[in-house]
C-alpha atoms as a PDB file:
ATOM      1  CA  UNK A   1       0.096  -0.103  -0.403  1.00  0.00           C
ATOM      2  CA  UNK A   2       1.122   3.400  -1.014  1.00  0.00           C
ATOM      3  CA  UNK A   3       2.034   5.301   2.098  1.00  0.00           C
ATOM      4  CA  UNK A   4       0.745   9.807   2.396  1.00  0.00           C
ATOM      5  CA  UNK A   5       4.456  10.222   1.534  1.00  0.00           C
ATOM      6  CA  UNK A   6       4.270   8.225  -1.832  1.00  0.00           C
ATOM      7  CA  UNK A   7       0.982   9.880  -2.210  1.00  0.00           C
ATOM      8  CA  UNK A   8       2.183  13.656  -1.971  1.00  0.00           C
ATOM      9  CA  UNK A   9       5.232  12.738  -3.763  1.00  0.00           C
ATOM     10  CA  UNK A  10       2.908  11.304  -6.705  1.00  0.00           C
ATOM     11  CA  UNK A  11       1.081  14.974  -6.869  1.00  0.00           C
ATOM     12  CA  UNK A  12       4.502  16.349  -7.152  1.00  0.00           C
ATOM     13  CA  UNK A  13       5.324  14.668 -10.249  1.00  0.00           C
ATOM     14  CA  UNK A  14       3.402  16.696 -12.308  1.00  0.00           C
ATOM     15  CA  UNK A  15       6.760  19.224 -12.036  1.00  0.00           C
ATOM     16  CA  UNK A  16       9.029  17.006 -13.668  1.00  0.00           C
ATOM     17  CA  UNK A  17       6.634  15.999 -16.306  1.00  0.00           C
ATOM     18  CA  UNK A  18       6.178  19.740 -17.102  1.00  0.00           C
ATOM     19  CA  UNK A  19       9.838  20.611 -17.496  1.00  0.00           C
ATOM     20  CA  UNK A  20       9.670  17.747 -19.770  1.00  0.00           C
ATOM     21  CA  UNK A  21       7.018  18.580 -21.881  1.00  0.00           C
ATOM     22  CA  UNK A  22       7.477  22.252 -22.081  1.00  0.00           C
ATOM     23  CA  UNK A  23      11.253  21.109 -23.840  1.00  0.00           C
ATOM     24  CA  UNK A  24       9.547  19.199 -26.217  1.00  0.00           C
ATOM     25  CA  UNK A  25       7.114  21.719 -26.635  1.00  0.00           C
ATOM     26  CA  UNK A  26       9.688  24.372 -27.591  1.00  0.00           C
ATOM     27  CA  UNK A  27      11.835  21.926 -29.727  1.00  0.00           C
ATOM     28  CA  UNK A  28      14.726  22.343 -26.949  1.00  0.00           C
ATOM     29  CA  UNK A  29      16.398  18.716 -27.548  1.00  0.00           C
ATOM     30  CA  UNK A  30      16.854  19.668 -30.573  1.00  0.00           C
ATOM     31  CA  UNK A  31      17.623  23.557 -30.179  1.00  0.00           C
ATOM     32  CA  UNK A  32      20.670  21.874 -27.632  1.00  0.00           C
ATOM     33  CA  UNK A  33      21.466  19.026 -30.039  1.00  0.00           C
ATOM     34  CA  UNK A  34      25.342  18.652 -29.398  1.00  0.00           C
ATOM     35  CA  UNK A  35      25.922  21.687 -27.487  1.00  0.00           C
ATOM     36  CA  UNK A  36      24.911  24.996 -27.074  1.00  0.00           C
ATOM     37  CA  UNK A  37      24.678  27.809 -25.020  1.00  0.00           C
ATOM     38  CA  UNK A  38      21.716  29.284 -23.143  1.00  0.00           C
ATOM     39  CA  UNK A  39      21.734  32.628 -25.127  1.00  0.00           C
ATOM     40  CA  UNK A  40      22.091  30.715 -28.616  1.00  0.00           C
ATOM     41  CA  UNK A  41      19.419  28.062 -27.112  1.00  0.00           C
ATOM     42  CA  UNK A  42      17.131  30.892 -26.152  1.00  0.00           C
ATOM     43  CA  UNK A  43      17.439  32.422 -29.354  1.00  0.00           C
ATOM     44  CA  UNK A  44      16.969  29.453 -31.674  1.00  0.00           C
ATOM     45  CA  UNK A  45      13.883  28.666 -29.710  1.00  0.00           C
ATOM     46  CA  UNK A  46      12.612  32.383 -29.611  1.00  0.00           C
ATOM     47  CA  UNK A  47      12.340  32.475 -25.521  1.00  0.00           C
ATOM     48  CA  UNK A  48      13.694  34.582 -22.644  1.00  0.00           C
ATOM     49  CA  UNK A  49      17.324  34.018 -21.778  1.00  0.00           C
ATOM     50  CA  UNK A  50      17.272  33.977 -18.513  1.00  0.00           C
ATOM     51  CA  UNK A  51      13.572  31.415 -18.244  1.00  0.00           C
ATOM     52  CA  UNK A  52      15.569  29.700 -20.924  1.00  0.00           C
ATOM     53  CA  UNK A  53      18.478  29.110 -18.389  1.00  0.00           C
ATOM     54  CA  UNK A  54      16.109  27.845 -15.853  1.00  0.00           C
ATOM     55  CA  UNK A  55      14.479  25.173 -17.578  1.00  0.00           C
ATOM     56  CA  UNK A  56      18.459  24.041 -18.955  1.00  0.00           C
ATOM     57  CA  UNK A  57      19.044  23.681 -15.586  1.00  0.00           C
ATOM     58  CA  UNK A  58      16.355  22.036 -14.579  1.00  0.00           C
ATOM     59  CA  UNK A  59      17.014  19.701 -17.308  1.00  0.00           C
ATOM     60  CA  UNK A  60      20.175  19.008 -16.234  1.00  0.00           C
ATOM     61  CA  UNK A  61      19.117  18.539 -12.813  1.00  0.00           C
ATOM     62  CA  UNK A  62      16.577  15.273 -14.303  1.00  0.00           C
ATOM     63  CA  UNK A  63      20.095  13.885 -16.359  1.00  0.00           C
ATOM     64  CA  UNK A  64      17.732  15.264 -19.589  1.00  0.00           C
ATOM     65  CA  UNK A  65      20.407  17.255 -20.835  1.00  0.00           C
ATOM     66  CA  UNK A  66      24.673  17.526 -19.668  1.00  0.00           C
ATOM     67  CA  UNK A  67      25.850  20.739 -19.044  1.00  0.00           C
ATOM     68  CA  UNK A  68      30.240  21.343 -20.137  1.00  0.00           C
ATOM     69  CA  UNK A  69      31.324  24.810 -19.291  1.00  0.00           C
ATOM     70  CA  UNK A  70      28.473  27.427 -20.758  1.00  0.00           C
ATOM     71  CA  UNK A  71      26.686  24.531 -23.276  1.00  0.00           C
ATOM     72  CA  UNK A  72      24.005  22.273 -23.018  1.00  0.00           C
ATOM     73  CA  UNK A  73      23.860  19.384 -24.846  1.00  0.00           C
ATOM     74  CA  UNK A  74      21.047  16.352 -24.970  1.00  0.00           C
ATOM     75  CA  UNK A  75      22.457  12.962 -23.271  1.00  0.00           C
ATOM     76  CA  UNK A  76      22.297   9.584 -25.499  1.00  0.00           C
ATOM     77  CA  UNK A  77      18.897   8.715 -23.550  1.00  0.00           C
ATOM     78  CA  UNK A  78      17.748  12.713 -24.605  1.00  0.00           C
ATOM     79  CA  UNK A  79      18.563  12.582 -28.077  1.00  0.00           C
ATOM     80  CA  UNK A  80      15.860  10.340 -28.823  1.00  0.00           C
ATOM     81  CA  UNK A  81      13.560  13.457 -27.911  1.00  0.00           C
ATOM     82  CA  UNK A  82      15.033  15.076 -30.924  1.00  0.00           C
ATOM     83  CA  UNK A  83      13.656  12.576 -33.741  1.00  0.00           C
ATOM     84  CA  UNK A  84      10.025  11.774 -31.498  1.00  0.00           C
ATOM     85  CA  UNK A  85       9.244  15.698 -31.337  1.00  0.00           C
ATOM     86  CA  UNK A  86       6.484  15.463 -33.768  1.00  0.00           C
ATOM     87  CA  UNK A  87       5.156  12.280 -31.921  1.00  0.00           C
ATOM     88  CA  UNK A  88       5.798  13.393 -28.400  1.00  0.00           C
ATOM     89  CA  UNK A  89       3.694  16.729 -29.598  1.00  0.00           C
ATOM     90  CA  UNK A  90       0.636  14.513 -28.436  1.00  0.00           C
ATOM     91  CA  UNK A  91       1.402  13.856 -25.239  1.00  0.00           C
ATOM     92  CA  UNK A  92       1.875  17.945 -24.679  1.00  0.00           C
ATOM     93  CA  UNK A  93      -1.447  18.109 -26.121  1.00  0.00           C
ATOM     94  CA  UNK A  94      -2.701  15.433 -23.724  1.00  0.00           C
ATOM     95  CA  UNK A  95      -1.523  17.935 -20.924  1.00  0.00           C
ATOM     96  CA  UNK A  96      -4.203  20.155 -21.710  1.00  0.00           C
ATOM     97  CA  UNK A  97      -6.838  17.904 -21.811  1.00  0.00           C
ATOM     98  CA  UNK A  98      -5.947  16.422 -18.706  1.00  0.00           C
ATOM     99  CA  UNK A  99      -5.509  19.739 -16.632  1.00  0.00           C
ATOM    100  CA  UNK A 100      -9.398  20.119 -17.452  1.00  0.00           C
ATOM    101  CA  UNK A 101      -9.724  16.790 -15.247  1.00  0.00           C
ATOM    102  CA  UNK A 102     -11.622  18.616 -12.323  1.00  0.00           C
ATOM    103  CA  UNK A 103     -14.312  20.331 -14.275  1.00  0.00           C
ATOM    104  CA  UNK A 104     -14.791  17.666 -16.239  1.00  0.00           C
ATOM    105  CA  UNK A 105     -15.841  15.197 -12.512  1.00  0.00           C
ATOM    106  CA  UNK A 106     -17.893  18.572 -11.807  1.00  0.00           C
ATOM    107  CA  UNK A 107     -19.575  18.811 -14.943  1.00  0.00           C
ATOM    108  CA  UNK A 108     -20.058  14.857 -15.770  1.00  0.00           C
ATOM    109  CA  UNK A 109     -19.171  15.549 -19.186  1.00  0.00           C
ATOM    110  CA  UNK A 110     -16.075  16.702 -21.415  1.00  0.00           C
ATOM    111  CA  UNK A 111     -15.061  20.289 -21.114  1.00  0.00           C
ATOM    112  CA  UNK A 112     -12.927  21.934 -23.814  1.00  0.00           C
ATOM    113  CA  UNK A 113     -11.271  25.187 -23.375  1.00  0.00           C
ATOM    114  CA  UNK A 114     -12.119  28.266 -25.089  1.00  0.00           C
ATOM    115  CA  UNK A 115     -10.185  28.608 -28.482  1.00  0.00           C
ATOM    116  CA  UNK A 116      -9.650  24.885 -28.675  1.00  0.00           C
ATOM    117  CA  UNK A 117     -11.330  24.846 -31.911  1.00  0.00           C
ATOM    118  CA  UNK A 118      -8.159  27.387 -33.453  1.00  0.00           C
ATOM    119  CA  UNK A 119      -5.371  24.694 -32.459  1.00  0.00           C
ATOM    120  CA  UNK A 120      -7.791  21.564 -34.114  1.00  0.00           C
ATOM    121  CA  UNK A 121      -5.621  20.991 -37.231  1.00  0.00           C
ATOM    122  CA  UNK A 122      -2.195  20.814 -35.417  1.00  0.00           C
ATOM    123  CA  UNK A 123      -4.015  18.295 -32.215  1.00  0.00           C
ATOM    124  CA  UNK A 124      -4.582  15.955 -35.534  1.00  0.00           C
ATOM    125  CA  UNK A 125      -1.556  16.096 -36.786  1.00  0.00           C
ATOM    126  CA  UNK A 126       0.044  15.532 -33.305  1.00  0.00           C
ATOM    127  CA  UNK A 127      -2.000  12.355 -32.739  1.00  0.00           C
ATOM    128  CA  UNK A 128      -1.427  11.353 -35.974  1.00  0.00           C
ATOM    129  CA  UNK A 129       2.393  11.367 -35.236  1.00  0.00           C
ATOM    130  CA  UNK A 130       1.720   9.818 -32.315  1.00  0.00           C
ATOM    131  CA  UNK A 131      -0.302   6.947 -33.571  1.00  0.00           C
ATOM    132  CA  UNK A 132       2.318   6.133 -36.096  1.00  0.00           C
ATOM    133  CA  UNK A 133       5.171   6.272 -33.791  1.00  0.00           C
ATOM    134  CA  UNK A 134       3.320   3.680 -32.137  1.00  0.00           C
ATOM    135  CA  UNK A 135       1.684   1.370 -34.921  1.00  0.00           C
ATOM    136  CA  UNK A 136       4.922   1.468 -37.271  1.00  0.00           C
ATOM    137  CA  UNK A 137       7.115  -0.038 -34.131  1.00  0.00           C
ATOM    138  CA  UNK A 138       4.176  -2.579 -34.192  1.00  0.00           C
ATOM    139  CA  UNK A 139       3.570  -3.873 -37.516  1.00  0.00           C
ATOM    140  CA  UNK A 140       6.355  -5.282 -38.342  1.00  0.00           C
ATOM    141  CA  UNK A 141       5.657  -7.822 -35.064  1.00  0.00           C
ATOM    142  CA  UNK A 142       1.984  -8.380 -36.400  1.00  0.00           C
ATOM    143  CA  UNK A 143       3.169  -8.970 -39.974  1.00  0.00           C
ATOM    144  CA  UNK A 144       5.157 -11.860 -38.924  1.00  0.00           C
ATOM    145  CA  UNK A 145       2.856 -12.911 -36.489  1.00  0.00           C
ATOM    146  CA  UNK A 146      -0.391 -12.668 -38.566  1.00  0.00           C
ATOM    147  CA  UNK A 147       1.443 -13.027 -42.403  1.00  0.00           C
ATOM    148  CA  UNK A 148      -0.301 -11.965 -45.182  1.00  0.00           C
ATOM    149  CA  UNK A 149       0.110 -15.331 -47.716  1.00  0.00           C
ATOM    150  CA  UNK A 150      -2.084 -15.138 -50.238  1.00  0.00           C
ATOM    151  CA  UNK A 151      -3.654 -11.961 -49.458  1.00  0.00           C
ATOM    152  CA  UNK A 152      -4.746  -9.498 -52.727  1.00  0.00           C
ATOM    153  CA  UNK A 153      -6.174  -6.835 -50.798  1.00  0.00           C
ATOM    154  CA  UNK A 154      -6.243  -5.127 -47.287  1.00  0.00           C
ATOM    155  CA  UNK A 155      -8.434  -2.728 -46.609  1.00  0.00           C
ATOM    156  CA  UNK A 156      -7.347  -0.969 -43.049  1.00  0.00           C
ATOM    157  CA  UNK A 157     -10.019   1.072 -41.252  1.00  0.00           C
ATOM    158  CA  UNK A 158      -9.454   3.631 -39.081  1.00  0.00           C
ATOM    159  CA  UNK A 159      -5.931   3.310 -40.475  1.00  0.00           C
ATOM    160  CA  UNK A 160      -4.721   6.733 -39.734  1.00  0.00           C
ATOM    161  CA  UNK A 161      -1.217   7.437 -41.215  1.00  0.00           C
ATOM    162  CA  UNK A 162      -1.472   3.700 -42.799  1.00  0.00           C
ATOM    163  CA  UNK A 163       1.463   2.379 -40.719  1.00  0.00           C
ATOM    164  CA  UNK A 164      -0.088  -1.208 -40.638  1.00  0.00           C
ATOM    165  CA  UNK A 165      -0.813  -0.670 -45.021  1.00  0.00           C
ATOM    166  CA  UNK A 166       2.901   0.082 -45.121  1.00  0.00           C
ATOM    167  CA  UNK A 167       3.975  -3.085 -43.151  1.00  0.00           C
ATOM    168  CA  UNK A 168       1.801  -5.170 -45.089  1.00  0.00           C
ATOM    169  CA  UNK A 169       1.912  -4.358 -48.659  1.00  0.00           C
ATOM    170  CA  UNK A 170       5.439  -4.860 -49.127  1.00  0.00           C
ATOM    171  CA  UNK A 171       5.232  -8.504 -47.345  1.00  0.00           C
ATOM    172  CA  UNK A 172       2.857 -10.188 -49.845  1.00  0.00           C
ATOM    173  CA  UNK A 173       3.630  -8.468 -53.729  1.00  0.00           C
ATOM    174  CA  UNK A 174       1.360  -7.247 -55.431  1.00  0.00           C
ATOM    175  CA  UNK A 175      -0.752  -7.104 -51.911  1.00  0.00           C
ATOM    176  CA  UNK A 176      -3.029  -4.058 -52.458  1.00  0.00           C
ATOM    177  CA  UNK A 177      -3.515  -2.135 -49.292  1.00  0.00           C
ATOM    178  CA  UNK A 178      -5.946   0.841 -48.989  1.00  0.00           C
ATOM    179  CA  UNK A 179      -6.558   3.093 -45.367  1.00  0.00           C
ATOM    180  CA  UNK A 180     -10.324   4.462 -44.396  1.00  0.00           C
ATOM    181  CA  UNK A 181      -9.938   7.412 -41.829  1.00  0.00           C
ATOM    182  CA  UNK A 182     -11.894  10.241 -40.951  1.00  0.00           C
ATOM    183  CA  UNK A 183     -11.126  13.129 -43.973  1.00  0.00           C
ATOM    184  CA  UNK A 184      -9.233  15.201 -41.144  1.00  0.00           C
ATOM    185  CA  UNK A 185      -6.822  11.870 -40.192  1.00  0.00           C
END
């Protein structure tokens, strides 16, 4: 059973999450790359140099960046954020959704923040990118497990980016694959 201290520690877990999400949102890992000063990173991401330095130092404390002299650089683990940023933006968007939980419980229904419609295209793109990253990593295993021997056509319903169709098509030439999804997907 979790102790009170465990539960209060879990309540503070949002702080580390928010630091990492802000770094992803600002594309800070790409800006830091193999080494850059706080001033250069702030200029690249269009942010305040002092606040950027504070965020960079927080990332160092989380072992998400390394600092040598005045230069910050990604670690072998945080380097993965550089390529995965598009998919990670969906997690950034989920932060906003989860932030309405109290209002949702009070109202008994989903609560949308004002202005969310204007961000719908960005949200959809981030969602599709995240789903593609997840599906692409699983699709190869599915092809090996299920196979496509003798198949001539494949219909991927709700296929988003088409990651599964992309994986199955070359497995059984000349398999023809079609993806069906919502128009905005």
